[in-house]
């Protein structure tokens, strides 16, 4: 298993290099002049040219890319923002924990509540419980996030005055955005769990377990749920990765200085170093999430763990035979 983890970590290197090369190339050919955005329309041609020279924009593409990657590898330096002059790494350190703080509770809440509702719906298929759960899931995935956020502000912040409207000055400011993002996540998790549970319930091993006289509770949690968890965990990992950069609507409405709004601000202002650093951080985090999901597979399904172990034994056996020859 350790060999597999090391292999996956090494495989992340070409992925990150490819992402960095792609985003660097797209920004290189993108229309617009960051010098004009930074200095304003009143700047002279000489001032614009000097600004580009100072920031290395007059160098050839591969020279710029090599200098950028060398700075990241040797000094963990993502450059400075064109607009604020602040180091990009410092801005990312300030914004990224807020994004994680929003995405992680939503993922946990959606997994707990969504899975429970999905299990309940699957075990009472075609009953009124299943009908209510399916209608609720359809409503949850259909309600626009910006509309739900505004309704929560009107109800809980303006009328009832239970929570602050917007800003980021304490834990209470995270309640409304987490609630607004959780409804969609719970609905998606419920629908996924119900579908996976129903598929597993039709398998032969479930019929065999019932024929042996095992209780429905044991069949549900020991046989059905355990085999249905792999696609559920996959969906949760993908949704967590999506929320790292996809919670922009809530960040904008609730005025949260997280990574999504930082990226949009950088795009609007042609702040290339900030865009590159944000994209690379998202790519790295998403790769780590996928790695954790794959590791979790091995603990949920013994067959996958045995496959990893057999691969390691096979390679060791081949090395021993070669050494004997």
C-alpha atoms as a PDB file:
ATOM      1  CA  UNK A   1       0.000   0.000   0.000  1.00  0.00           C
ATOM      2  CA  UNK A   2       2.878   2.332   0.790  1.00  0.00           C
ATOM      3  CA  UNK A   3       4.324   1.610  -2.642  1.00  0.00           C
ATOM      4  CA  UNK A   4       1.012   2.565  -4.237  1.00  0.00           C
ATOM      5  CA  UNK A   5       0.827   5.856  -2.300  1.00  0.00           C
ATOM      6  CA  UNK A   6       4.379   6.765  -3.307  1.00  0.00           C
ATOM      7  CA  UNK A   7       3.570   5.910  -6.925  1.00  0.00           C
ATOM      8  CA  UNK A   8       0.484   8.140  -6.868  1.00  0.00           C
ATOM      9  CA  UNK A   9       2.414  11.006  -5.293  1.00  0.00           C
ATOM     10  CA  UNK A  10       5.063  10.758  -7.997  1.00  0.00           C
ATOM     11  CA  UNK A  11       2.344  10.656 -10.653  1.00  0.00           C
ATOM     12  CA  UNK A  12       1.107  14.028  -9.374  1.00  0.00           C
ATOM     13  CA  UNK A  13       4.315  15.692 -10.567  1.00  0.00           C
ATOM     14  CA  UNK A  14       3.624  15.438 -14.334  1.00  0.00           C
ATOM     15  CA  UNK A  15      -0.017  16.355 -13.687  1.00  0.00           C
ATOM     16  CA  UNK A  16       0.956  19.575 -11.921  1.00  0.00           C
ATOM     17  CA  UNK A  17       3.560  20.358 -14.588  1.00  0.00           C
ATOM     18  CA  UNK A  18       0.931  19.871 -17.283  1.00  0.00           C
ATOM     19  CA  UNK A  19      -1.562  22.097 -15.449  1.00  0.00           C
ATOM     20  CA  UNK A  20       1.046  24.802 -14.932  1.00  0.00           C
ATOM     21  CA  UNK A  21       2.106  24.677 -18.585  1.00  0.00           C
ATOM     22  CA  UNK A  22      -1.493  24.836 -19.788  1.00  0.00           C
ATOM     23  CA  UNK A  23      -2.535  27.782 -17.591  1.00  0.00           C
ATOM     24  CA  UNK A  24       0.710  29.595 -18.405  1.00  0.00           C
ATOM     25  CA  UNK A  25       0.101  29.173 -22.138  1.00  0.00           C
ATOM     26  CA  UNK A  26      -3.548  30.243 -21.938  1.00  0.00           C
ATOM     27  CA  UNK A  27      -2.640  33.406 -20.044  1.00  0.00           C
ATOM     28  CA  UNK A  28       0.230  34.063 -22.460  1.00  0.00           C
ATOM     29  CA  UNK A  29      -2.116  34.108 -25.474  1.00  0.00           C
ATOM     30  CA  UNK A  30      -5.057  35.702 -23.636  1.00  0.00           C
ATOM     31  CA  UNK A  31      -6.171  39.120 -24.930  1.00  0.00           C
ATOM     32  CA  UNK A  32      -5.647  42.176 -22.772  1.00  0.00           C
ATOM     33  CA  UNK A  33      -2.618  43.923 -21.335  1.00  0.00           C
ATOM     34  CA  UNK A  34      -1.905  43.545 -17.595  1.00  0.00           C
ATOM     35  CA  UNK A  35       0.371  46.603 -17.786  1.00  0.00           C
ATOM     36  CA  UNK A  36      -2.564  48.788 -18.841  1.00  0.00           C
ATOM     37  CA  UNK A  37      -4.721  47.366 -16.045  1.00  0.00           C
ATOM     38  CA  UNK A  38      -1.996  47.941 -13.455  1.00  0.00           C
ATOM     39  CA  UNK A  39      -0.904  51.448 -14.564  1.00  0.00           C
ATOM     40  CA  UNK A  40      -4.155  52.772 -16.022  1.00  0.00           C
ATOM     41  CA  UNK A  41      -5.049  54.211 -19.396  1.00  0.00           C
ATOM     42  CA  UNK A  42      -3.111  57.396 -18.703  1.00  0.00           C
ATOM     43  CA  UNK A  43       0.263  55.595 -18.678  1.00  0.00           C
ATOM     44  CA  UNK A  44       2.679  56.369 -21.509  1.00  0.00           C
ATOM     45  CA  UNK A  45       4.106  53.783 -23.873  1.00  0.00           C
ATOM     46  CA  UNK A  46       7.472  54.072 -22.179  1.00  0.00           C
ATOM     47  CA  UNK A  47       5.934  53.394 -18.756  1.00  0.00           C
ATOM     48  CA  UNK A  48       3.991  50.410 -20.076  1.00  0.00           C
ATOM     49  CA  UNK A  49       7.094  48.978 -21.723  1.00  0.00           C
ATOM     50  CA  UNK A  50       9.181  49.462 -18.587  1.00  0.00           C
ATOM     51  CA  UNK A  51       6.466  47.760 -16.486  1.00  0.00           C
ATOM     52  CA  UNK A  52       6.444  44.740 -18.811  1.00  0.00           C
ATOM     53  CA  UNK A  53      10.251  44.536 -18.703  1.00  0.00           C
ATOM     54  CA  UNK A  54      10.266  44.755 -14.901  1.00  0.00           C
ATOM     55  CA  UNK A  55       7.753  41.880 -14.675  1.00  0.00           C
ATOM     56  CA  UNK A  56       9.456  39.728 -17.314  1.00  0.00           C
ATOM     57  CA  UNK A  57       6.612  39.892 -19.836  1.00  0.00           C
ATOM     58  CA  UNK A  58       8.913  40.797 -22.696  1.00  0.00           C
ATOM     59  CA  UNK A  59      10.795  37.493 -22.411  1.00  0.00           C
ATOM     60  CA  UNK A  60       9.968  34.527 -24.704  1.00  0.00           C
ATOM     61  CA  UNK A  61       7.307  32.113 -23.513  1.00  0.00           C
ATOM     62  CA  UNK A  62       9.573  29.254 -22.449  1.00  0.00           C
ATOM     63  CA  UNK A  63      11.948  31.631 -20.658  1.00  0.00           C
ATOM     64  CA  UNK A  64       9.056  33.046 -18.640  1.00  0.00           C
ATOM     65  CA  UNK A  65       7.765  29.554 -17.862  1.00  0.00           C
ATOM     66  CA  UNK A  66      11.192  28.252 -16.844  1.00  0.00           C
ATOM     67  CA  UNK A  67      11.785  31.212 -14.535  1.00  0.00           C
ATOM     68  CA  UNK A  68       8.337  30.790 -12.992  1.00  0.00           C
ATOM     69  CA  UNK A  69       8.768  27.062 -12.310  1.00  0.00           C
ATOM     70  CA  UNK A  70      12.308  27.551 -11.023  1.00  0.00           C
ATOM     71  CA  UNK A  71      11.031  30.072  -8.505  1.00  0.00           C
ATOM     72  CA  UNK A  72       8.356  27.640  -7.294  1.00  0.00           C
ATOM     73  CA  UNK A  73      10.749  24.677  -7.020  1.00  0.00           C
ATOM     74  CA  UNK A  74      13.655  26.474  -5.360  1.00  0.00           C
ATOM     75  CA  UNK A  75      11.945  29.151  -3.241  1.00  0.00           C
ATOM     76  CA  UNK A  76       8.241  28.211  -3.264  1.00  0.00           C
ATOM     77  CA  UNK A  77       7.777  31.624  -4.868  1.00  0.00           C
ATOM     78  CA  UNK A  78       4.641  32.091  -6.997  1.00  0.00           C
ATOM     79  CA  UNK A  79       5.536  35.688  -7.771  1.00  0.00           C
ATOM     80  CA  UNK A  80       3.896  38.916  -6.658  1.00  0.00           C
ATOM     81  CA  UNK A  81       0.464  40.202  -7.524  1.00  0.00           C
ATOM     82  CA  UNK A  82       0.423  42.721 -10.374  1.00  0.00           C
ATOM     83  CA  UNK A  83      -2.248  44.772  -8.613  1.00  0.00           C
ATOM     84  CA  UNK A  84      -1.369  44.728  -4.911  1.00  0.00           C
ATOM     85  CA  UNK A  85       2.335  43.829  -5.118  1.00  0.00           C
ATOM     86  CA  UNK A  86       1.672  41.265  -2.395  1.00  0.00           C
ATOM     87  CA  UNK A  87       3.266  37.796  -2.684  1.00  0.00           C
ATOM     88  CA  UNK A  88       0.834  35.336  -4.231  1.00  0.00           C
ATOM     89  CA  UNK A  89       1.726  32.653  -1.687  1.00  0.00           C
ATOM     90  CA  UNK A  90       0.720  34.996   1.126  1.00  0.00           C
ATOM     91  CA  UNK A  91      -2.684  35.671  -0.475  1.00  0.00           C
ATOM     92  CA  UNK A  92      -3.256  31.960  -0.981  1.00  0.00           C
ATOM     93  CA  UNK A  93      -2.384  31.199   2.636  1.00  0.00           C
ATOM     94  CA  UNK A  94      -4.990  33.726   3.743  1.00  0.00           C
ATOM     95  CA  UNK A  95      -7.790  32.654   1.371  1.00  0.00           C
ATOM     96  CA  UNK A  96      -7.391  28.882   1.082  1.00  0.00           C
ATOM     97  CA  UNK A  97      -8.088  27.955   4.748  1.00  0.00           C
ATOM     98  CA  UNK A  98     -11.403  29.800   4.496  1.00  0.00           C
ATOM     99  CA  UNK A  99     -12.314  27.742   1.426  1.00  0.00           C
ATOM    100  CA  UNK A 100     -11.445  24.513   3.259  1.00  0.00           C
ATOM    101  CA  UNK A 101     -13.399  25.699   6.291  1.00  0.00           C
ATOM    102  CA  UNK A 102     -16.485  26.074   4.092  1.00  0.00           C
ATOM    103  CA  UNK A 103     -16.062  22.938   1.967  1.00  0.00           C
ATOM    104  CA  UNK A 104     -15.230  20.408   4.690  1.00  0.00           C
ATOM    105  CA  UNK A 105     -18.337  20.883   6.904  1.00  0.00           C
ATOM    106  CA  UNK A 106     -20.579  20.814   3.830  1.00  0.00           C
ATOM    107  CA  UNK A 107     -19.043  17.498   2.764  1.00  0.00           C
ATOM    108  CA  UNK A 108     -19.423  15.960   6.228  1.00  0.00           C
ATOM    109  CA  UNK A 109     -23.007  17.185   6.632  1.00  0.00           C
ATOM    110  CA  UNK A 110     -24.000  15.971   3.180  1.00  0.00           C
ATOM    111  CA  UNK A 111     -22.469  12.539   3.755  1.00  0.00           C
ATOM    112  CA  UNK A 112     -24.195  12.021   7.097  1.00  0.00           C
ATOM    113  CA  UNK A 113     -27.645  13.395   6.302  1.00  0.00           C
ATOM    114  CA  UNK A 114     -27.653  12.473   2.608  1.00  0.00           C
ATOM    115  CA  UNK A 115     -26.593   8.877   3.256  1.00  0.00           C
ATOM    116  CA  UNK A 116     -29.164   8.406   6.022  1.00  0.00           C
ATOM    117  CA  UNK A 117     -31.943   9.756   3.795  1.00  0.00           C
ATOM    118  CA  UNK A 118     -30.729   7.638   0.880  1.00  0.00           C
ATOM    119  CA  UNK A 119     -30.678   4.468   2.989  1.00  0.00           C
ATOM    120  CA  UNK A 120     -34.131   5.232   4.366  1.00  0.00           C
ATOM    121  CA  UNK A 121     -35.497   5.885   0.892  1.00  0.00           C
ATOM    122  CA  UNK A 122     -33.976   2.706  -0.580  1.00  0.00           C
ATOM    123  CA  UNK A 123     -35.253   0.510   2.266  1.00  0.00           C
ATOM    124  CA  UNK A 124     -38.798   1.889   1.788  1.00  0.00           C
ATOM    125  CA  UNK A 125     -38.845   1.863  -1.983  1.00  0.00           C
ATOM    126  CA  UNK A 126     -42.104   3.044  -3.609  1.00  0.00           C
ATOM    127  CA  UNK A 127     -43.545   4.078  -0.232  1.00  0.00           C
ATOM    128  CA  UNK A 128     -44.557   7.564   0.862  1.00  0.00           C
ATOM    129  CA  UNK A 129     -41.144   7.905   2.565  1.00  0.00           C
ATOM    130  CA  UNK A 130     -39.407   7.212  -0.735  1.00  0.00           C
ATOM    131  CA  UNK A 131     -41.706   9.618  -2.572  1.00  0.00           C
ATOM    132  CA  UNK A 132     -41.031  12.436  -0.088  1.00  0.00           C
ATOM    133  CA  UNK A 133     -37.278  11.797  -0.236  1.00  0.00           C
ATOM    134  CA  UNK A 134     -37.222  11.803  -4.041  1.00  0.00           C
ATOM    135  CA  UNK A 135     -39.273  14.994  -4.269  1.00  0.00           C
ATOM    136  CA  UNK A 136     -37.057  16.632  -1.657  1.00  0.00           C
ATOM    137  CA  UNK A 137     -33.956  15.557  -3.558  1.00  0.00           C
ATOM    138  CA  UNK A 138     -35.319  16.956  -6.803  1.00  0.00           C
ATOM    139  CA  UNK A 139     -36.117  20.264  -5.091  1.00  0.00           C
ATOM    140  CA  UNK A 140     -32.668  20.359  -3.485  1.00  0.00           C
ATOM    141  CA  UNK A 141     -30.788  19.984  -6.763  1.00  0.00           C
ATOM    142  CA  UNK A 142     -33.118  22.399  -8.576  1.00  0.00           C
ATOM    143  CA  UNK A 143     -33.050  25.412  -6.260  1.00  0.00           C
ATOM    144  CA  UNK A 144     -30.472  27.979  -7.456  1.00  0.00           C
ATOM    145  CA  UNK A 145     -27.742  28.588  -4.907  1.00  0.00           C
ATOM    146  CA  UNK A 146     -27.934  32.384  -5.126  1.00  0.00           C
ATOM    147  CA  UNK A 147     -31.716  32.369  -4.526  1.00  0.00           C
ATOM    148  CA  UNK A 148     -31.421  30.076  -1.507  1.00  0.00           C
ATOM    149  CA  UNK A 149     -28.631  32.230  -0.079  1.00  0.00           C
ATOM    150  CA  UNK A 150     -30.749  35.379  -0.384  1.00  0.00           C
ATOM    151  CA  UNK A 151     -33.769  33.647   1.208  1.00  0.00           C
ATOM    152  CA  UNK A 152     -31.653  32.476   4.143  1.00  0.00           C
ATOM    153  CA  UNK A 153     -30.361  36.015   4.614  1.00  0.00           C
ATOM    154  CA  UNK A 154     -33.903  37.429   4.615  1.00  0.00           C
ATOM    155  CA  UNK A 155     -35.208  34.800   7.039  1.00  0.00           C
ATOM    156  CA  UNK A 156     -32.381  34.116   9.488  1.00  0.00           C
ATOM    157  CA  UNK A 157     -30.458  37.395   9.351  1.00  0.00           C
ATOM    158  CA  UNK A 158     -32.939  40.165   8.519  1.00  0.00           C
ATOM    159  CA  UNK A 159     -36.222  38.967  10.060  1.00  0.00           C
ATOM    160  CA  UNK A 160     -35.168  36.656  12.880  1.00  0.00           C
ATOM    161  CA  UNK A 161     -31.782  38.367  13.444  1.00  0.00           C
ATOM    162  CA  UNK A 162     -30.198  35.076  14.478  1.00  0.00           C
ATOM    163  CA  UNK A 163     -27.106  35.310  12.298  1.00  0.00           C
ATOM    164  CA  UNK A 164     -24.993  38.065  10.683  1.00  0.00           C
ATOM    165  CA  UNK A 165     -25.745  38.978   7.087  1.00  0.00           C
ATOM    166  CA  UNK A 166     -22.261  38.877   5.568  1.00  0.00           C
ATOM    167  CA  UNK A 167     -18.560  39.246   6.252  1.00  0.00           C
ATOM    168  CA  UNK A 168     -15.971  36.999   7.829  1.00  0.00           C
ATOM    169  CA  UNK A 169     -15.274  37.917  11.431  1.00  0.00           C
ATOM    170  CA  UNK A 170     -16.055  34.723  13.355  1.00  0.00           C
ATOM    171  CA  UNK A 171     -17.575  31.250  13.252  1.00  0.00           C
ATOM    172  CA  UNK A 172     -21.146  32.567  13.180  1.00  0.00           C
ATOM    173  CA  UNK A 173     -20.455  34.116   9.773  1.00  0.00           C
ATOM    174  CA  UNK A 174     -19.920  30.641   8.289  1.00  0.00           C
ATOM    175  CA  UNK A 175     -23.360  29.277   9.232  1.00  0.00           C
ATOM    176  CA  UNK A 176     -25.401  30.837   6.412  1.00  0.00           C
ATOM    177  CA  UNK A 177     -23.021  29.961   3.545  1.00  0.00           C
ATOM    178  CA  UNK A 178     -22.640  26.399   4.860  1.00  0.00           C
ATOM    179  CA  UNK A 179     -26.429  26.017   5.063  1.00  0.00           C
ATOM    180  CA  UNK A 180     -26.921  27.368   1.556  1.00  0.00           C
ATOM    181  CA  UNK A 181     -24.319  24.981   0.089  1.00  0.00           C
ATOM    182  CA  UNK A 182     -25.438  21.975   2.141  1.00  0.00           C
ATOM    183  CA  UNK A 183     -28.928  21.676   0.642  1.00  0.00           C
ATOM    184  CA  UNK A 184     -27.647  20.867  -2.847  1.00  0.00           C
ATOM    185  CA  UNK A 185     -24.919  18.580  -1.470  1.00  0.00           C
ATOM    186  CA  UNK A 186     -27.396  16.654   0.713  1.00  0.00           C
ATOM    187  CA  UNK A 187     -29.803  16.206  -2.184  1.00  0.00           C
ATOM    188  CA  UNK A 188     -27.050  14.918  -4.472  1.00  0.00           C
ATOM    189  CA  UNK A 189     -25.737  12.556  -1.793  1.00  0.00           C
ATOM    190  CA  UNK A 190     -29.225  11.237  -1.066  1.00  0.00           C
ATOM    191  CA  UNK A 191     -29.913  10.508  -4.726  1.00  0.00           C
ATOM    192  CA  UNK A 192     -26.536   8.817  -5.181  1.00  0.00           C
ATOM    193  CA  UNK A 193     -26.933   6.696  -2.028  1.00  0.00           C
ATOM    194  CA  UNK A 194     -30.462   5.624  -2.959  1.00  0.00           C
ATOM    195  CA  UNK A 195     -29.372   4.611  -6.460  1.00  0.00           C
ATOM    196  CA  UNK A 196     -26.343   2.640  -5.234  1.00  0.00           C
ATOM    197  CA  UNK A 197     -28.325   0.944  -2.460  1.00  0.00           C
ATOM    198  CA  UNK A 198     -31.054  -0.170  -4.856  1.00  0.00           C
ATOM    199  CA  UNK A 199     -28.472  -1.550  -7.277  1.00  0.00           C
ATOM    200  CA  UNK A 200     -26.735  -3.540  -4.543  1.00  0.00           C
ATOM    201  CA  UNK A 201     -30.021  -4.834  -3.145  1.00  0.00           C
ATOM    202  CA  UNK A 202     -30.623  -6.671  -6.425  1.00  0.00           C
ATOM    203  CA  UNK A 203     -27.359  -8.600  -6.217  1.00  0.00           C
ATOM    204  CA  UNK A 204     -27.202 -12.346  -5.569  1.00  0.00           C
ATOM    205  CA  UNK A 205     -25.247 -12.041  -2.317  1.00  0.00           C
ATOM    206  CA  UNK A 206     -28.135 -10.078  -0.790  1.00  0.00           C
ATOM    207  CA  UNK A 207     -30.591 -12.806  -1.790  1.00  0.00           C
ATOM    208  CA  UNK A 208     -28.251 -15.394  -0.287  1.00  0.00           C
ATOM    209  CA  UNK A 209     -27.987 -13.419   2.968  1.00  0.00           C
ATOM    210  CA  UNK A 210     -31.793 -13.261   3.230  1.00  0.00           C
ATOM    211  CA  UNK A 211     -32.045 -16.989   2.519  1.00  0.00           C
ATOM    212  CA  UNK A 212     -29.675 -17.623   5.437  1.00  0.00           C
ATOM    213  CA  UNK A 213     -32.075 -15.772   7.720  1.00  0.00           C
ATOM    214  CA  UNK A 214     -29.943 -12.690   8.447  1.00  0.00           C
ATOM    215  CA  UNK A 215     -31.779  -9.633   9.717  1.00  0.00           C
ATOM    216  CA  UNK A 216     -32.614  -6.760   7.374  1.00  0.00           C
ATOM    217  CA  UNK A 217     -30.542  -4.404   9.520  1.00  0.00           C
ATOM    218  CA  UNK A 218     -27.429  -6.577   9.127  1.00  0.00           C
ATOM    219  CA  UNK A 219     -28.080  -7.013   5.405  1.00  0.00           C
ATOM    220  CA  UNK A 220     -28.449  -3.252   4.948  1.00  0.00           C
ATOM    221  CA  UNK A 221     -25.353  -2.116   6.820  1.00  0.00           C
ATOM    222  CA  UNK A 222     -23.017  -5.103   6.440  1.00  0.00           C
ATOM    223  CA  UNK A 223     -23.723  -6.256   2.881  1.00  0.00           C
ATOM    224  CA  UNK A 224     -25.532  -3.561   0.914  1.00  0.00           C
ATOM    225  CA  UNK A 225     -24.102  -0.317   2.307  1.00  0.00           C
ATOM    226  CA  UNK A 226     -20.533  -1.563   2.420  1.00  0.00           C
ATOM    227  CA  UNK A 227     -20.603  -2.454  -1.270  1.00  0.00           C
ATOM    228  CA  UNK A 228     -22.437   0.762  -2.173  1.00  0.00           C
ATOM    229  CA  UNK A 229     -19.919   3.006  -0.431  1.00  0.00           C
ATOM    230  CA  UNK A 230     -17.328   3.127  -3.231  1.00  0.00           C
ATOM    231  CA  UNK A 231     -19.383   5.224  -5.694  1.00  0.00           C
ATOM    232  CA  UNK A 232     -20.702   7.255  -2.753  1.00  0.00           C
ATOM    233  CA  UNK A 233     -17.177   8.074  -1.564  1.00  0.00           C
ATOM    234  CA  UNK A 234     -16.177   8.893  -5.134  1.00  0.00           C
ATOM    235  CA  UNK A 235     -19.077  11.326  -5.451  1.00  0.00           C
ATOM    236  CA  UNK A 236     -18.218  12.959  -2.119  1.00  0.00           C
ATOM    237  CA  UNK A 237     -14.573  13.410  -3.108  1.00  0.00           C
ATOM    238  CA  UNK A 238     -15.515  14.951  -6.433  1.00  0.00           C
ATOM    239  CA  UNK A 239     -18.021  17.279  -4.788  1.00  0.00           C
ATOM    240  CA  UNK A 240     -15.441  18.372  -2.207  1.00  0.00           C
ATOM    241  CA  UNK A 241     -12.994  19.161  -5.004  1.00  0.00           C
ATOM    242  CA  UNK A 242     -15.677  21.079  -6.870  1.00  0.00           C
ATOM    243  CA  UNK A 243     -16.513  23.199  -3.820  1.00  0.00           C
ATOM    244  CA  UNK A 244     -12.891  24.307  -3.488  1.00  0.00           C
ATOM    245  CA  UNK A 245     -13.406  26.578  -6.477  1.00  0.00           C
ATOM    246  CA  UNK A 246     -17.147  26.336  -7.043  1.00  0.00           C
ATOM    247  CA  UNK A 247     -18.480  28.148  -3.979  1.00  0.00           C
ATOM    248  CA  UNK A 248     -18.030  31.492  -5.740  1.00  0.00           C
ATOM    249  CA  UNK A 249     -21.733  32.417  -5.580  1.00  0.00           C
ATOM    250  CA  UNK A 250     -21.865  32.085  -1.807  1.00  0.00           C
ATOM    251  CA  UNK A 251     -18.527  33.837  -1.402  1.00  0.00           C
ATOM    252  CA  UNK A 252     -19.816  36.765  -3.460  1.00  0.00           C
ATOM    253  CA  UNK A 253     -23.201  37.023  -1.708  1.00  0.00           C
ATOM    254  CA  UNK A 254     -21.833  36.670   1.828  1.00  0.00           C
ATOM    255  CA  UNK A 255     -18.644  38.696   1.116  1.00  0.00           C
ATOM    256  CA  UNK A 256     -16.261  35.910   2.099  1.00  0.00           C
ATOM    257  CA  UNK A 257     -12.573  36.462   1.186  1.00  0.00           C
ATOM    258  CA  UNK A 258     -11.998  32.869   0.049  1.00  0.00           C
ATOM    259  CA  UNK A 259     -10.199  31.376  -2.936  1.00  0.00           C
ATOM    260  CA  UNK A 260     -13.051  31.576  -5.462  1.00  0.00           C
ATOM    261  CA  UNK A 261     -13.573  35.319  -5.196  1.00  0.00           C
ATOM    262  CA  UNK A 262      -9.782  35.794  -5.137  1.00  0.00           C
ATOM    263  CA  UNK A 263      -9.519  34.018  -8.486  1.00  0.00           C
ATOM    264  CA  UNK A 264     -12.357  35.987 -10.095  1.00  0.00           C
ATOM    265  CA  UNK A 265     -10.845  39.266  -8.922  1.00  0.00           C
ATOM    266  CA  UNK A 266      -7.485  38.216 -10.352  1.00  0.00           C
ATOM    267  CA  UNK A 267      -9.061  37.261 -13.702  1.00  0.00           C
ATOM    268  CA  UNK A 268     -10.882  40.578 -14.008  1.00  0.00           C
ATOM    269  CA  UNK A 269      -7.702  42.523 -13.264  1.00  0.00           C
ATOM    270  CA  UNK A 270      -5.379  40.397 -15.474  1.00  0.00           C
ATOM    271  CA  UNK A 271      -3.402  39.453 -12.373  1.00  0.00           C
ATOM    272  CA  UNK A 272      -1.563  36.526 -13.994  1.00  0.00           C
ATOM    273  CA  UNK A 273       0.612  35.425 -11.027  1.00  0.00           C
ATOM    274  CA  UNK A 274      -2.445  35.259  -8.780  1.00  0.00           C
ATOM    275  CA  UNK A 275      -4.381  33.211 -11.345  1.00  0.00           C
ATOM    276  CA  UNK A 276      -1.518  30.763 -11.862  1.00  0.00           C
ATOM    277  CA  UNK A 277      -0.956  30.260  -8.153  1.00  0.00           C
ATOM    278  CA  UNK A 278      -4.662  29.706  -7.453  1.00  0.00           C
ATOM    279  CA  UNK A 279      -5.067  27.178 -10.272  1.00  0.00           C
ATOM    280  CA  UNK A 280      -1.964  25.232  -9.217  1.00  0.00           C
ATOM    281  CA  UNK A 281      -3.166  25.132  -5.605  1.00  0.00           C
ATOM    282  CA  UNK A 282      -6.576  23.833  -6.688  1.00  0.00           C
ATOM    283  CA  UNK A 283      -4.973  21.197  -8.935  1.00  0.00           C
ATOM    284  CA  UNK A 284      -2.689  20.033  -6.126  1.00  0.00           C
ATOM    285  CA  UNK A 285      -5.530  19.881  -3.597  1.00  0.00           C
ATOM    286  CA  UNK A 286      -7.805  18.026  -5.997  1.00  0.00           C
ATOM    287  CA  UNK A 287      -5.041  15.484  -6.634  1.00  0.00           C
ATOM    288  CA  UNK A 288      -4.599  14.954  -2.897  1.00  0.00           C
ATOM    289  CA  UNK A 289      -8.365  14.467  -2.486  1.00  0.00           C
ATOM    290  CA  UNK A 290      -8.379  11.844  -5.251  1.00  0.00           C
ATOM    291  CA  UNK A 291      -5.438  10.092  -3.594  1.00  0.00           C
ATOM    292  CA  UNK A 292      -7.273   9.986  -0.246  1.00  0.00           C
ATOM    293  CA  UNK A 293     -10.364   8.607  -1.968  1.00  0.00           C
ATOM    294  CA  UNK A 294      -8.308   5.849  -3.605  1.00  0.00           C
ATOM    295  CA  UNK A 295      -6.717   4.949  -0.268  1.00  0.00           C
ATOM    296  CA  UNK A 296     -10.160   4.833   1.324  1.00  0.00           C
ATOM    297  CA  UNK A 297     -11.243   2.377  -1.377  1.00  0.00           C
ATOM    298  CA  UNK A 298      -8.758  -0.166  -0.035  1.00  0.00           C
ATOM    299  CA  UNK A 299     -10.282  -0.017   3.443  1.00  0.00           C
ATOM    300  CA  UNK A 300     -13.850  -0.187   2.169  1.00  0.00           C
ATOM    301  CA  UNK A 301     -13.274  -3.060  -0.272  1.00  0.00           C
ATOM    302  CA  UNK A 302     -10.800  -5.813   0.773  1.00  0.00           C
ATOM    303  CA  UNK A 303     -10.567  -6.925  -2.884  1.00  0.00           C
ATOM    304  CA  UNK A 304      -8.898  -3.652  -3.853  1.00  0.00           C
ATOM    305  CA  UNK A 305      -6.449  -3.893  -0.962  1.00  0.00           C
ATOM    306  CA  UNK A 306      -5.640  -7.473  -1.918  1.00  0.00           C
ATOM    307  CA  UNK A 307      -5.005  -6.341  -5.479  1.00  0.00           C
ATOM    308  CA  UNK A 308      -2.425  -3.799  -4.301  1.00  0.00           C
ATOM    309  CA  UNK A 309      -0.773  -6.396  -2.083  1.00  0.00           C
ATOM    310  CA  UNK A 310      -0.701  -9.024  -4.836  1.00  0.00           C
ATOM    311  CA  UNK A 311       0.916  -6.556  -7.231  1.00  0.00           C
ATOM    312  CA  UNK A 312       3.646  -5.875  -4.684  1.00  0.00           C
ATOM    313  CA  UNK A 313       4.187  -9.610  -4.051  1.00  0.00           C
ATOM    314  CA  UNK A 314       4.289 -10.317  -7.781  1.00  0.00           C
ATOM    315  CA  UNK A 315       6.990  -7.729  -8.370  1.00  0.00           C
ATOM    316  CA  UNK A 316       9.066  -9.035  -5.454  1.00  0.00           C
ATOM    317  CA  UNK A 317       8.662 -12.585  -6.745  1.00  0.00           C
ATOM    318  CA  UNK A 318       9.840 -11.559 -10.221  1.00  0.00           C
ATOM    319  CA  UNK A 319      12.888  -9.846  -8.755  1.00  0.00           C
ATOM    320  CA  UNK A 320      13.750 -12.971  -6.747  1.00  0.00           C
ATOM    321  CA  UNK A 321      13.460 -15.189  -9.839  1.00  0.00           C
ATOM    322  CA  UNK A 322      15.664 -12.857 -11.857  1.00  0.00           C
ATOM    323  CA  UNK A 323      18.217 -12.845  -9.046  1.00  0.00           C
ATOM    324  CA  UNK A 324      18.217 -16.655  -8.934  1.00  0.00           C
ATOM    325  CA  UNK A 325      18.688 -16.875 -12.700  1.00  0.00           C
END
